[in-house]
Amino acid sequence: SVDGALTLADARLAARTIAGSPLVKAAVHGCDPNWGRIIAALGRSGAEIDESRIDLFLNNIRLVAEGLPHPFDKDKVRVAMGGSEVPIRVCLNLGDCAATAWGCDLSAEYVTINSEYTT
């Protein structure tokens, strides 16, 4: 989910870009708290952002505060990412608009199955 966006369109755009990112999906599948992949997806989304105001959470564990890395226990986050749902929350801290997008992970098995499929 993305909150604190200037517009609903920005919130939706950012949330959808993050949820649809193959690198974010792969990180979720591997229980890898690589917050840089989330920030990269946010940056290319086209939504209005101010890097110095971004807060980022995985399963309610803060990884980024005011645009800077926040100390966190990687093992604790990896365990938290092992569940059936991995909430990603990005707070832009620019306005009052919010949106949620749902996605799925991306496993090597999924890629193999779909690369071998023909019509």
PDB file of N, CA and C in Angstrom:
ATOM      1  N   SER A   1       0.841  -1.175   0.000  1.00  0.00           N
ATOM      2  CA  SER A   1       0.000   0.000   0.000  1.00  0.00           C
ATOM      3  C   SER A   1       0.884   1.236   0.000  1.00  0.00           C
ATOM      4  N   VAL A   2       0.342   2.285  -0.533  1.00  0.00           N
ATOM      5  CA  VAL A   2       1.029   3.572  -0.566  1.00  0.00           C
ATOM      6  C   VAL A   2       0.096   4.592   0.062  1.00  0.00           C
ATOM      7  N   ASP A   3       0.602   5.338   1.026  1.00  0.00           N
ATOM      8  CA  ASP A   3      -0.197   6.410   1.609  1.00  0.00           C
ATOM      9  C   ASP A   3       0.623   7.695   1.632  1.00  0.00           C
ATOM     10  N   GLY A   4      -0.058   8.771   1.936  1.00  0.00           N
ATOM     11  CA  GLY A   4       0.596  10.070   1.984  1.00  0.00           C
ATOM     12  C   GLY A   4       0.936  10.641   0.618  1.00  0.00           C
ATOM     13  N   ALA A   5       0.239  10.178  -0.419  1.00  0.00           N
ATOM     14  CA  ALA A   5       0.467  10.701  -1.770  1.00  0.00           C
ATOM     15  C   ALA A   5      -0.288  12.013  -1.959  1.00  0.00           C
ATOM     16  N   LEU A   6       0.183  12.806  -2.902  1.00  0.00           N
ATOM     17  CA  LEU A   6      -0.490  14.072  -3.199  1.00  0.00           C
ATOM     18  C   LEU A   6      -1.844  13.853  -3.850  1.00  0.00           C
ATOM     19  N   THR A   7      -1.936  12.836  -4.716  1.00  0.00           N
ATOM     20  CA  THR A   7      -3.186  12.559  -5.421  1.00  0.00           C
ATOM     21  C   THR A   7      -3.496  11.066  -5.359  1.00  0.00           C
ATOM     22  N   LEU A   8      -4.763  10.738  -5.551  1.00  0.00           N
ATOM     23  CA  LEU A   8      -5.156   9.335  -5.616  1.00  0.00           C
ATOM     24  C   LEU A   8      -4.488   8.657  -6.807  1.00  0.00           C
ATOM     25  N   ALA A   9      -4.361   9.369  -7.907  1.00  0.00           N
ATOM     26  CA  ALA A   9      -3.696   8.807  -9.092  1.00  0.00           C
ATOM     27  C   ALA A   9      -2.246   8.442  -8.785  1.00  0.00           C
ATOM     28  N   ASP A  10      -1.537   9.304  -8.056  1.00  0.00           N
ATOM     29  CA  ASP A  10      -0.158   8.998  -7.670  1.00  0.00           C
ATOM     30  C   ASP A  10      -0.100   7.777  -6.757  1.00  0.00           C
ATOM     31  N   ALA A  11      -0.998   7.710  -5.785  1.00  0.00           N
ATOM     32  CA  ALA A  11      -1.013   6.571  -4.860  1.00  0.00           C
ATOM     33  C   ALA A  11      -1.252   5.271  -5.614  1.00  0.00           C
ATOM     34  N   ARG A  12      -2.224   5.282  -6.518  1.00  0.00           N
ATOM     35  CA  ARG A  12      -2.531   4.080  -7.301  1.00  0.00           C
ATOM     36  C   ARG A  12      -1.362   3.693  -8.199  1.00  0.00           C
ATOM     37  N   LEU A  13      -0.793   4.660  -8.873  1.00  0.00           N
ATOM     38  CA  LEU A  13       0.319   4.405  -9.782  1.00  0.00           C
ATOM     39  C   LEU A  13       1.508   3.803  -9.033  1.00  0.00           C
ATOM     40  N   ALA A  14       1.849   4.382  -7.906  1.00  0.00           N
ATOM     41  CA  ALA A  14       2.972   3.880  -7.118  1.00  0.00           C
ATOM     42  C   ALA A  14       2.697   2.472  -6.598  1.00  0.00           C
ATOM     43  N   ALA A  15       1.511   2.250  -6.046  1.00  0.00           N
ATOM     44  CA  ALA A  15       1.172   0.931  -5.500  1.00  0.00           C
ATOM     45  C   ALA A  15       1.187  -0.142  -6.584  1.00  0.00           C
ATOM     46  N   ARG A  16       0.624   0.164  -7.739  1.00  0.00           N
ATOM     47  CA  ARG A  16       0.589  -0.817  -8.839  1.00  0.00           C
ATOM     48  C   ARG A  16       1.982  -1.108  -9.381  1.00  0.00           C
ATOM     49  N   THR A  17       2.814  -0.085  -9.476  1.00  0.00           N
ATOM     50  CA  THR A  17       4.168  -0.295  -9.990  1.00  0.00           C
ATOM     51  C   THR A  17       4.976  -1.162  -9.033  1.00  0.00           C
ATOM     52  N   ILE A  18       4.861  -0.914  -7.750  1.00  0.00           N
ATOM     53  CA  ILE A  18       5.572  -1.732  -6.761  1.00  0.00           C
ATOM     54  C   ILE A  18       5.063  -3.168  -6.805  1.00  0.00           C
ATOM     55  N   ALA A  19       3.750  -3.351  -6.773  1.00  0.00           N
ATOM     56  CA  ALA A  19       3.169  -4.704  -6.766  1.00  0.00           C
ATOM     57  C   ALA A  19       3.482  -5.469  -8.044  1.00  0.00           C
ATOM     58  N   GLY A  20       3.661  -4.772  -9.153  1.00  0.00           N
ATOM     59  CA  GLY A  20       3.913  -5.428 -10.426  1.00  0.00           C
ATOM     60  C   GLY A  20       5.378  -5.610 -10.773  1.00  0.00           C
ATOM     61  N   SER A  21       6.270  -5.114  -9.946  1.00  0.00           N
ATOM     62  CA  SER A  21       7.698  -5.178 -10.241  1.00  0.00           C
ATOM     63  C   SER A  21       8.230  -6.606 -10.141  1.00  0.00           C
ATOM     64  N   PRO A  22       8.822  -7.141 -11.214  1.00  0.00           N
ATOM     65  CA  PRO A  22       9.402  -8.486 -11.131  1.00  0.00           C
ATOM     66  C   PRO A  22      10.489  -8.593 -10.062  1.00  0.00           C
ATOM     67  N   LEU A  23      11.274  -7.542  -9.867  1.00  0.00           N
ATOM     68  CA  LEU A  23      12.322  -7.605  -8.849  1.00  0.00           C
ATOM     69  C   LEU A  23      11.741  -7.611  -7.439  1.00  0.00           C
ATOM     70  N   VAL A  24      10.677  -6.871  -7.217  1.00  0.00           N
ATOM     71  CA  VAL A  24      10.007  -6.910  -5.911  1.00  0.00           C
ATOM     72  C   VAL A  24       9.388  -8.286  -5.702  1.00  0.00           C
ATOM     73  N   LYS A  25       8.743  -8.824  -6.723  1.00  0.00           N
ATOM     74  CA  LYS A  25       8.123 -10.149  -6.629  1.00  0.00           C
ATOM     75  C   LYS A  25       9.165 -11.220  -6.303  1.00  0.00           C
ATOM     76  N   ALA A  26      10.334 -11.155  -6.959  1.00  0.00           N
ATOM     77  CA  ALA A  26      11.395 -12.127  -6.700  1.00  0.00           C
ATOM     78  C   ALA A  26      11.933 -11.979  -5.278  1.00  0.00           C
ATOM     79  N   ALA A  27      12.072 -10.749  -4.808  1.00  0.00           N
ATOM     80  CA  ALA A  27      12.542 -10.521  -3.440  1.00  0.00           C
ATOM     81  C   ALA A  27      11.555 -11.088  -2.427  1.00  0.00           C
ATOM     82  N   VAL A  28      10.271 -10.891  -2.669  1.00  0.00           N
ATOM     83  CA  VAL A  28       9.250 -11.438  -1.767  1.00  0.00           C
ATOM     84  C   VAL A  28       9.329 -12.963  -1.762  1.00  0.00           C
ATOM     85  N   HIS A  29       9.453 -13.571  -2.939  1.00  0.00           N
ATOM     86  CA  HIS A  29       9.549 -15.034  -3.013  1.00  0.00           C
ATOM     87  C   HIS A  29      10.752 -15.546  -2.216  1.00  0.00           C
ATOM     88  N   GLY A  30      11.877 -14.836  -2.305  1.00  0.00           N
ATOM     89  CA  GLY A  30      13.090 -15.257  -1.616  1.00  0.00           C
ATOM     90  C   GLY A  30      13.208 -14.762  -0.189  1.00  0.00           C
ATOM     91  N   CYS A  31      12.159 -14.135   0.330  1.00  0.00           N
ATOM     92  CA  CYS A  31      12.181 -13.566   1.692  1.00  0.00           C
ATOM     93  C   CYS A  31      13.396 -12.654   1.875  1.00  0.00           C
ATOM     94  N   ASP A  32      13.659 -11.853   0.860  1.00  0.00           N
ATOM     95  CA  ASP A  32      14.810 -10.957   0.843  1.00  0.00           C
ATOM     96  C   ASP A  32      14.343  -9.528   1.105  1.00  0.00           C
ATOM     97  N   PRO A  33      14.701  -8.953   2.249  1.00  0.00           N
ATOM     98  CA  PRO A  33      14.246  -7.599   2.572  1.00  0.00           C
ATOM     99  C   PRO A  33      15.032  -6.523   1.821  1.00  0.00           C
ATOM    100  N   ASN A  34      15.095  -6.654   0.511  1.00  0.00           N
ATOM    101  CA  ASN A  34      15.831  -5.725  -0.342  1.00  0.00           C
ATOM    102  C   ASN A  34      14.950  -4.509  -0.634  1.00  0.00           C
ATOM    103  N   TRP A  35      14.968  -3.560   0.281  1.00  0.00           N
ATOM    104  CA  TRP A  35      14.089  -2.407   0.160  1.00  0.00           C
ATOM    105  C   TRP A  35      14.448  -1.530  -1.040  1.00  0.00           C
ATOM    106  N   GLY A  36      15.675  -1.644  -1.536  1.00  0.00           N
ATOM    107  CA  GLY A  36      16.078  -0.868  -2.704  1.00  0.00           C
ATOM    108  C   GLY A  36      15.242  -1.190  -3.933  1.00  0.00           C
ATOM    109  N   ARG A  37      14.800  -2.446  -4.045  1.00  0.00           N
ATOM    110  CA  ARG A  37      13.955  -2.830  -5.176  1.00  0.00           C
ATOM    111  C   ARG A  37      12.595  -2.141  -5.103  1.00  0.00           C
ATOM    112  N   ILE A  38      12.092  -1.970  -3.898  1.00  0.00           N
ATOM    113  CA  ILE A  38      10.805  -1.294  -3.715  1.00  0.00           C
ATOM    114  C   ILE A  38      10.949   0.191  -4.038  1.00  0.00           C
ATOM    115  N   ILE A  39      12.017   0.799  -3.541  1.00  0.00           N
ATOM    116  CA  ILE A  39      12.260   2.217  -3.804  1.00  0.00           C
ATOM    117  C   ILE A  39      12.497   2.452  -5.296  1.00  0.00           C
ATOM    118  N   ALA A  40      13.199   1.531  -5.958  1.00  0.00           N
ATOM    119  CA  ALA A  40      13.435   1.663  -7.402  1.00  0.00           C
ATOM    120  C   ALA A  40      12.118   1.621  -8.171  1.00  0.00           C
ATOM    121  N   ALA A  41      11.236   0.698  -7.794  1.00  0.00           N
ATOM    122  CA  ALA A  41       9.920   0.622  -8.446  1.00  0.00           C
ATOM    123  C   ALA A  41       9.135   1.907  -8.199  1.00  0.00           C
ATOM    124  N   LEU A  42       9.170   2.393  -6.981  1.00  0.00           N
ATOM    125  CA  LEU A  42       8.500   3.653  -6.656  1.00  0.00           C
ATOM    126  C   LEU A  42       9.051   4.785  -7.516  1.00  0.00           C
ATOM    127  N   GLY A  43      10.357   4.850  -7.644  1.00  0.00           N
ATOM    128  CA  GLY A  43      10.987   5.918  -8.406  1.00  0.00           C
ATOM    129  C   GLY A  43      10.619   5.920  -9.878  1.00  0.00           C
ATOM    130  N   ARG A  44      10.433   4.733 -10.442  1.00  0.00           N
ATOM    131  CA  ARG A  44      10.085   4.679 -11.867  1.00  0.00           C
ATOM    132  C   ARG A  44       8.574   4.725 -12.110  1.00  0.00           C
ATOM    133  N   SER A  45       7.801   4.794 -11.041  1.00  0.00           N
ATOM    134  CA  SER A  45       6.340   4.777 -11.173  1.00  0.00           C
ATOM    135  C   SER A  45       5.783   6.032 -11.830  1.00  0.00           C
ATOM    136  N   GLY A  46       6.485   7.123 -11.705  1.00  0.00           N
ATOM    137  CA  GLY A  46       5.974   8.389 -12.218  1.00  0.00           C
ATOM    138  C   GLY A  46       5.197   9.185 -11.182  1.00  0.00           C
ATOM    139  N   ALA A  47       4.985   8.607 -10.008  1.00  0.00           N
ATOM    140  CA  ALA A  47       4.298   9.320  -8.928  1.00  0.00           C
ATOM    141  C   ALA A  47       5.209  10.409  -8.369  1.00  0.00           C
ATOM    142  N   GLU A  48       4.598  11.472  -7.893  1.00  0.00           N
ATOM    143  CA  GLU A  48       5.343  12.556  -7.256  1.00  0.00           C
ATOM    144  C   GLU A  48       5.899  12.042  -5.934  1.00  0.00           C
ATOM    145  N   ILE A  49       7.225  12.147  -5.753  1.00  0.00           N
ATOM    146  CA  ILE A  49       7.857  11.710  -4.507  1.00  0.00           C
ATOM    147  C   ILE A  49       8.916  12.724  -4.088  1.00  0.00           C
ATOM    148  N   ASP A  50       9.245  12.678  -2.821  1.00  0.00           N
ATOM    149  CA  ASP A  50      10.386  13.400  -2.265  1.00  0.00           C
ATOM    150  C   ASP A  50      11.155  12.348  -1.484  1.00  0.00           C
ATOM    151  N   GLU A  51      12.299  11.943  -2.018  1.00  0.00           N
ATOM    152  CA  GLU A  51      13.052  10.839  -1.429  1.00  0.00           C
ATOM    153  C   GLU A  51      13.315  11.024   0.062  1.00  0.00           C
ATOM    154  N   SER A  52      13.488  12.248   0.496  1.00  0.00           N
ATOM    155  CA  SER A  52      13.828  12.510   1.894  1.00  0.00           C
ATOM    156  C   SER A  52      12.644  12.350   2.846  1.00  0.00           C
ATOM    157  N   ARG A  53      11.456  12.071   2.311  1.00  0.00           N
ATOM    158  CA  ARG A  53      10.270  11.946   3.165  1.00  0.00           C
ATOM    159  C   ARG A  53       9.706  10.527   3.205  1.00  0.00           C
ATOM    160  N   ILE A  54      10.299   9.606   2.459  1.00  0.00           N
ATOM    161  CA  ILE A  54       9.753   8.252   2.323  1.00  0.00           C
ATOM    162  C   ILE A  54      10.024   7.407   3.563  1.00  0.00           C
ATOM    163  N   ASP A  55       8.978   6.745   4.044  1.00  0.00           N
ATOM    164  CA  ASP A  55       9.084   5.706   5.072  1.00  0.00           C
ATOM    165  C   ASP A  55       8.614   4.410   4.431  1.00  0.00           C
ATOM    166  N   LEU A  56       9.285   3.293   4.749  1.00  0.00           N
ATOM    167  CA  LEU A  56       8.939   2.014   4.136  1.00  0.00           C
ATOM    168  C   LEU A  56       8.911   0.929   5.201  1.00  0.00           C
ATOM    169  N   PHE A  57       7.865   0.101   5.139  1.00  0.00           N
ATOM    170  CA  PHE A  57       7.676  -0.980   6.106  1.00  0.00           C
ATOM    171  C   PHE A  57       7.389  -2.288   5.370  1.00  0.00           C
ATOM    172  N   LEU A  58       7.945  -3.389   5.852  1.00  0.00           N
ATOM    173  CA  LEU A  58       7.576  -4.740   5.428  1.00  0.00           C
ATOM    174  C   LEU A  58       6.995  -5.434   6.646  1.00  0.00           C
ATOM    175  N   ASN A  59       5.759  -5.898   6.531  1.00  0.00           N
ATOM    176  CA  ASN A  59       5.077  -6.526   7.676  1.00  0.00           C
ATOM    177  C   ASN A  59       5.193  -5.665   8.927  1.00  0.00           C
ATOM    178  N   ASN A  60       4.989  -4.376   8.772  1.00  0.00           N
ATOM    179  CA  ASN A  60       5.022  -3.405   9.870  1.00  0.00           C
ATOM    180  C   ASN A  60       6.392  -3.231  10.509  1.00  0.00           C
ATOM    181  N   ILE A  61       7.440  -3.722   9.861  1.00  0.00           N
ATOM    182  CA  ILE A  61       8.805  -3.509  10.336  1.00  0.00           C
ATOM    183  C   ILE A  61       9.415  -2.403   9.476  1.00  0.00           C
ATOM    184  N   ARG A  62       9.851  -1.345  10.132  1.00  0.00           N
ATOM    185  CA  ARG A  62      10.396  -0.188   9.400  1.00  0.00           C
ATOM    186  C   ARG A  62      11.773  -0.527   8.830  1.00  0.00           C
ATOM    187  N   LEU A  63      11.932  -0.284   7.522  1.00  0.00           N
ATOM    188  CA  LEU A  63      13.214  -0.486   6.852  1.00  0.00           C
ATOM    189  C   LEU A  63      13.833   0.833   6.394  1.00  0.00           C
ATOM    190  N   VAL A  64      12.980   1.822   6.132  1.00  0.00           N
ATOM    191  CA  VAL A  64      13.431   3.139   5.671  1.00  0.00           C
ATOM    192  C   VAL A  64      12.677   4.192   6.467  1.00  0.00           C
ATOM    193  N   ALA A  65      13.402   5.196   6.940  1.00  0.00           N
ATOM    194  CA  ALA A  65      12.798   6.313   7.672  1.00  0.00           C
ATOM    195  C   ALA A  65      13.311   7.612   7.075  1.00  0.00           C
ATOM    196  N   GLU A  66      12.392   8.439   6.630  1.00  0.00           N
ATOM    197  CA  GLU A  66      12.724   9.732   6.030  1.00  0.00           C
ATOM    198  C   GLU A  66      13.760   9.582   4.919  1.00  0.00           C
ATOM    199  N   GLY A  67      13.576   8.532   4.101  1.00  0.00           N
ATOM    200  CA  GLY A  67      14.421   8.310   2.939  1.00  0.00           C
ATOM    201  C   GLY A  67      15.759   7.657   3.202  1.00  0.00           C
ATOM    202  N   LEU A  68      16.038   7.335   4.448  1.00  0.00           N
ATOM    203  CA  LEU A  68      17.323   6.737   4.808  1.00  0.00           C
ATOM    204  C   LEU A  68      17.126   5.334   5.374  1.00  0.00           C
ATOM    205  N   PRO A  69      18.138   4.465   5.221  1.00  0.00           N
ATOM    206  CA  PRO A  69      18.031   3.125   5.805  1.00  0.00           C
ATOM    207  C   PRO A  69      17.808   3.212   7.309  1.00  0.00           C
ATOM    208  N   HIS A  70      16.897   2.399   7.788  1.00  0.00           N
ATOM    209  CA  HIS A  70      16.592   2.323   9.217  1.00  0.00           C
ATOM    210  C   HIS A  70      17.112   0.973   9.710  1.00  0.00           C
ATOM    211  N   PRO A  71      17.825   0.937  10.834  1.00  0.00           N
ATOM    212  CA  PRO A  71      18.340  -0.348  11.318  1.00  0.00           C
ATOM    213  C   PRO A  71      17.201  -1.343  11.557  1.00  0.00           C
ATOM    214  N   PHE A  72      17.407  -2.590  11.096  1.00  0.00           N
ATOM    215  CA  PHE A  72      16.419  -3.642  11.317  1.00  0.00           C
ATOM    216  C   PHE A  72      17.126  -4.981  11.388  1.00  0.00           C
ATOM    217  N   ASP A  73      16.470  -5.929  12.015  1.00  0.00           N
ATOM    218  CA  ASP A  73      16.988  -7.291  12.149  1.00  0.00           C
ATOM    219  C   ASP A  73      16.603  -8.066  10.891  1.00  0.00           C
ATOM    220  N   LYS A  74      17.585  -8.344  10.026  1.00  0.00           N
ATOM    221  CA  LYS A  74      17.299  -9.003   8.752  1.00  0.00           C
ATOM    222  C   LYS A  74      16.644 -10.365   8.946  1.00  0.00           C
ATOM    223  N   ASP A  75      17.093 -11.105   9.943  1.00  0.00           N
ATOM    224  CA  ASP A  75      16.495 -12.423  10.174  1.00  0.00           C
ATOM    225  C   ASP A  75      15.030 -12.300  10.577  1.00  0.00           C
ATOM    226  N   LYS A  76      14.717 -11.320  11.413  1.00  0.00           N
ATOM    227  CA  LYS A  76      13.331 -11.096  11.827  1.00  0.00           C
ATOM    228  C   LYS A  76      12.462 -10.735  10.622  1.00  0.00           C
ATOM    229  N   VAL A  77      12.988  -9.899   9.735  1.00  0.00           N
ATOM    230  CA  VAL A  77      12.222  -9.500   8.553  1.00  0.00           C
ATOM    231  C   VAL A  77      12.051 -10.689   7.612  1.00  0.00           C
ATOM    232  N   ARG A  78      13.103 -11.485   7.432  1.00  0.00           N
ATOM    233  CA  ARG A  78      12.996 -12.669   6.561  1.00  0.00           C
ATOM    234  C   ARG A  78      11.908 -13.616   7.067  1.00  0.00           C
ATOM    235  N   VAL A  79      11.872 -13.836   8.367  1.00  0.00           N
ATOM    236  CA  VAL A  79      10.830 -14.695   8.945  1.00  0.00           C
ATOM    237  C   VAL A  79       9.460 -14.073   8.695  1.00  0.00           C
ATOM    238  N   ALA A  80       9.345 -12.770   8.894  1.00  0.00           N
ATOM    239  CA  ALA A  80       8.066 -12.081   8.681  1.00  0.00           C
ATOM    240  C   ALA A  80       7.626 -12.153   7.221  1.00  0.00           C
ATOM    241  N   MET A  81       8.582 -12.254   6.306  1.00  0.00           N
ATOM    242  CA  MET A  81       8.257 -12.330   4.878  1.00  0.00           C
ATOM    243  C   MET A  81       7.881 -13.741   4.439  1.00  0.00           C
ATOM    244  N   GLY A  82       7.985 -14.703   5.331  1.00  0.00           N
ATOM    245  CA  GLY A  82       7.713 -16.090   4.978  1.00  0.00           C
ATOM    246  C   GLY A  82       6.249 -16.473   5.000  1.00  0.00           C
ATOM    247  N   GLY A  83       5.383 -15.568   5.364  1.00  0.00           N
ATOM    248  CA  GLY A  83       3.953 -15.866   5.435  1.00  0.00           C
ATOM    249  C   GLY A  83       3.286 -15.825   4.073  1.00  0.00           C
ATOM    250  N   SER A  84       2.000 -16.114   4.073  1.00  0.00           N
ATOM    251  CA  SER A  84       1.256 -16.133   2.810  1.00  0.00           C
ATOM    252  C   SER A  84       0.996 -14.728   2.266  1.00  0.00           C
ATOM    253  N   GLU A  85       1.071 -13.726   3.113  1.00  0.00           N
ATOM    254  CA  GLU A  85       0.940 -12.332   2.684  1.00  0.00           C
ATOM    255  C   GLU A  85       2.098 -11.524   3.253  1.00  0.00           C
ATOM    256  N   VAL A  86       2.631 -10.636   2.442  1.00  0.00           N
ATOM    257  CA  VAL A  86       3.741  -9.785   2.863  1.00  0.00           C
ATOM    258  C   VAL A  86       3.341  -8.333   2.602  1.00  0.00           C
ATOM    259  N   PRO A  87       2.742  -7.695   3.595  1.00  0.00           N
ATOM    260  CA  PRO A  87       2.339  -6.303   3.398  1.00  0.00           C
ATOM    261  C   PRO A  87       3.549  -5.383   3.224  1.00  0.00           C
ATOM    262  N   ILE A  88       3.526  -4.627   2.154  1.00  0.00           N
ATOM    263  CA  ILE A  88       4.529  -3.596   1.896  1.00  0.00           C
ATOM    264  C   ILE A  88       3.800  -2.263   2.020  1.00  0.00           C
ATOM    265  N   ARG A  89       4.307  -1.406   2.887  1.00  0.00           N
ATOM    266  CA  ARG A  89       3.686  -0.092   3.073  1.00  0.00           C
ATOM    267  C   ARG A  89       4.720   0.988   2.808  1.00  0.00           C
ATOM    268  N   VAL A  90       4.398   1.863   1.890  1.00  0.00           N
ATOM    269  CA  VAL A  90       5.254   2.997   1.578  1.00  0.00           C
ATOM    270  C   VAL A  90       4.491   4.262   1.943  1.00  0.00           C
ATOM    271  N   CYS A  91       5.083   5.053   2.808  1.00  0.00           N
ATOM    272  CA  CYS A  91       4.487   6.329   3.216  1.00  0.00           C
ATOM    273  C   CYS A  91       5.268   7.442   2.517  1.00  0.00           C
ATOM    274  N   LEU A  92       4.589   8.167   1.640  1.00  0.00           N
ATOM    275  CA  LEU A  92       5.247   9.244   0.902  1.00  0.00           C
ATOM    276  C   LEU A  92       5.317  10.534   1.711  1.00  0.00           C
ATOM    277  N   ASN A  93       4.393  10.700   2.647  1.00  0.00           N
ATOM    278  CA  ASN A  93       4.379  11.865   3.533  1.00  0.00           C
ATOM    279  C   ASN A  93       4.330  13.196   2.771  1.00  0.00           C
ATOM    280  N   LEU A  94       3.501  13.212   1.725  1.00  0.00           N
ATOM    281  CA  LEU A  94       3.315  14.428   0.931  1.00  0.00           C
ATOM    282  C   LEU A  94       1.883  14.952   0.968  1.00  0.00           C
ATOM    283  N   GLY A  95       0.921  14.064   1.183  1.00  0.00           N
ATOM    284  CA  GLY A  95      -0.491  14.438   1.134  1.00  0.00           C
ATOM    285  C   GLY A  95      -1.337  13.441   1.892  1.00  0.00           C
ATOM    286  N   ASP A  96      -2.624  13.366   1.527  1.00  0.00           N
ATOM    287  CA  ASP A  96      -3.576  12.536   2.263  1.00  0.00           C
ATOM    288  C   ASP A  96      -4.140  11.364   1.465  1.00  0.00           C
ATOM    289  N   CYS A  97      -3.627  11.107   0.283  1.00  0.00           N
ATOM    290  CA  CYS A  97      -4.209  10.061  -0.573  1.00  0.00           C
ATOM    291  C   CYS A  97      -3.490   8.730  -0.397  1.00  0.00           C
ATOM    292  N   ALA A  98      -4.270   7.643  -0.503  1.00  0.00           N
ATOM    293  CA  ALA A  98      -3.724   6.299  -0.303  1.00  0.00           C
ATOM    294  C   ALA A  98      -4.355   5.320  -1.284  1.00  0.00           C
ATOM    295  N   ALA A  99      -3.617   4.251  -1.573  1.00  0.00           N
ATOM    296  CA  ALA A  99      -4.128   3.191  -2.442  1.00  0.00           C
ATOM    297  C   ALA A  99      -3.423   1.888  -2.100  1.00  0.00           C
ATOM    298  N   THR A 100      -4.106   0.799  -2.387  1.00  0.00           N
ATOM    299  CA  THR A 100      -3.553  -0.536  -2.175  1.00  0.00           C
ATOM    300  C   THR A 100      -3.608  -1.302  -3.482  1.00  0.00           C
ATOM    301  N   ALA A 101      -2.546  -2.032  -3.767  1.00  0.00           N
ATOM    302  CA  ALA A 101      -2.503  -2.927  -4.927  1.00  0.00           C
ATOM    303  C   ALA A 101      -2.081  -4.299  -4.423  1.00  0.00           C
ATOM    304  N   TRP A 102      -2.684  -5.330  -4.987  1.00  0.00           N
ATOM    305  CA  TRP A 102      -2.353  -6.701  -4.614  1.00  0.00           C
ATOM    306  C   TRP A 102      -1.483  -7.311  -5.700  1.00  0.00           C
ATOM    307  N   GLY A 103      -0.532  -8.116  -5.290  1.00  0.00           N
ATOM    308  CA  GLY A 103       0.346  -8.791  -6.237  1.00  0.00           C
ATOM    309  C   GLY A 103       0.658 -10.185  -5.746  1.00  0.00           C
ATOM    310  N   CYS A 104       1.576 -10.820  -6.415  1.00  0.00           N
ATOM    311  CA  CYS A 104       2.028 -12.154  -6.017  1.00  0.00           C
ATOM    312  C   CYS A 104       3.535 -12.214  -6.190  1.00  0.00           C
ATOM    313  N   ASP A 105       4.131 -13.267  -5.622  1.00  0.00           N
ATOM    314  CA  ASP A 105       5.570 -13.406  -5.773  1.00  0.00           C
ATOM    315  C   ASP A 105       5.896 -13.988  -7.145  1.00  0.00           C
ATOM    316  N   LEU A 106       7.178 -14.150  -7.420  1.00  0.00           N
ATOM    317  CA  LEU A 106       7.627 -14.651  -8.714  1.00  0.00           C
ATOM    318  C   LEU A 106       8.737 -15.661  -8.454  1.00  0.00           C
ATOM    319  N   SER A 107       8.412 -16.927  -8.621  1.00  0.00           N
ATOM    320  CA  SER A 107       9.384 -17.988  -8.346  1.00  0.00           C
ATOM    321  C   SER A 107      10.052 -18.461  -9.632  1.00  0.00           C
ATOM    322  N   ALA A 108      11.184 -19.130  -9.488  1.00  0.00           N
ATOM    323  CA  ALA A 108      11.871 -19.728 -10.635  1.00  0.00           C
ATOM    324  C   ALA A 108      10.969 -20.768 -11.294  1.00  0.00           C
ATOM    325  N   GLU A 109      10.215 -21.504 -10.479  1.00  0.00           N
ATOM    326  CA  GLU A 109       9.301 -22.509 -11.015  1.00  0.00           C
ATOM    327  C   GLU A 109       8.240 -21.861 -11.913  1.00  0.00           C
ATOM    328  N   TYR A 110       7.703 -20.739 -11.499  1.00  0.00           N
ATOM    329  CA  TYR A 110       6.709 -20.019 -12.301  1.00  0.00           C
ATOM    330  C   TYR A 110       7.296 -19.624 -13.653  1.00  0.00           C
ATOM    331  N   VAL A 111       8.512 -19.085 -13.623  1.00  0.00           N
ATOM    332  CA  VAL A 111       9.162 -18.669 -14.867  1.00  0.00           C
ATOM    333  C   VAL A 111       9.384 -19.871 -15.773  1.00  0.00           C
ATOM    334  N   THR A 112       9.850 -20.988 -15.212  1.00  0.00           N
ATOM    335  CA  THR A 112      10.090 -22.198 -16.004  1.00  0.00           C
ATOM    336  C   THR A 112       8.803 -22.706 -16.635  1.00  0.00           C
ATOM    337  N   ILE A 113       7.761 -22.828 -15.849  1.00  0.00           N
ATOM    338  CA  ILE A 113       6.478 -23.328 -16.361  1.00  0.00           C
ATOM    339  C   ILE A 113       5.985 -22.450 -17.507  1.00  0.00           C
ATOM    340  N   ASN A 114       6.028 -21.151 -17.318  1.00  0.00           N
ATOM    341  CA  ASN A 114       5.492 -20.247 -18.333  1.00  0.00           C
ATOM    342  C   ASN A 114       6.411 -20.063 -19.533  1.00  0.00           C
ATOM    343  N   SER A 115       7.686 -20.329 -19.378  1.00  0.00           N
ATOM    344  CA  SER A 115       8.583 -20.236 -20.531  1.00  0.00           C
ATOM    345  C   SER A 115       8.479 -21.471 -21.416  1.00  0.00           C
ATOM    346  N   GLU A 116       7.978 -22.578 -20.866  1.00  0.00           N
ATOM    347  CA  GLU A 116       7.827 -23.816 -21.629  1.00  0.00           C
ATOM    348  C   GLU A 116       6.434 -23.968 -22.224  1.00  0.00           C
ATOM    349  N   TYR A 117       5.526 -23.107 -21.840  1.00  0.00           N
ATOM    350  CA  TYR A 117       4.136 -23.187 -22.284  1.00  0.00           C
ATOM    351  C   TYR A 117       3.998 -22.590 -23.677  1.00  0.00           C
ATOM    352  N   THR A 118       3.342 -23.309 -24.574  1.00  0.00           N
ATOM    353  CA  THR A 118       3.076 -22.772 -25.908  1.00  0.00           C
ATOM    354  C   THR A 118       1.604 -22.947 -26.240  1.00  0.00           C
ATOM    355  N   THR A 119       1.130 -22.160 -27.183  1.00  0.00           N
ATOM    356  CA  THR A 119      -0.267 -22.277 -27.616  1.00  0.00           C
ATOM    357  C   THR A 119      -0.335 -22.883 -29.002  1.00  0.00           C
TER     358      THR A 119
END
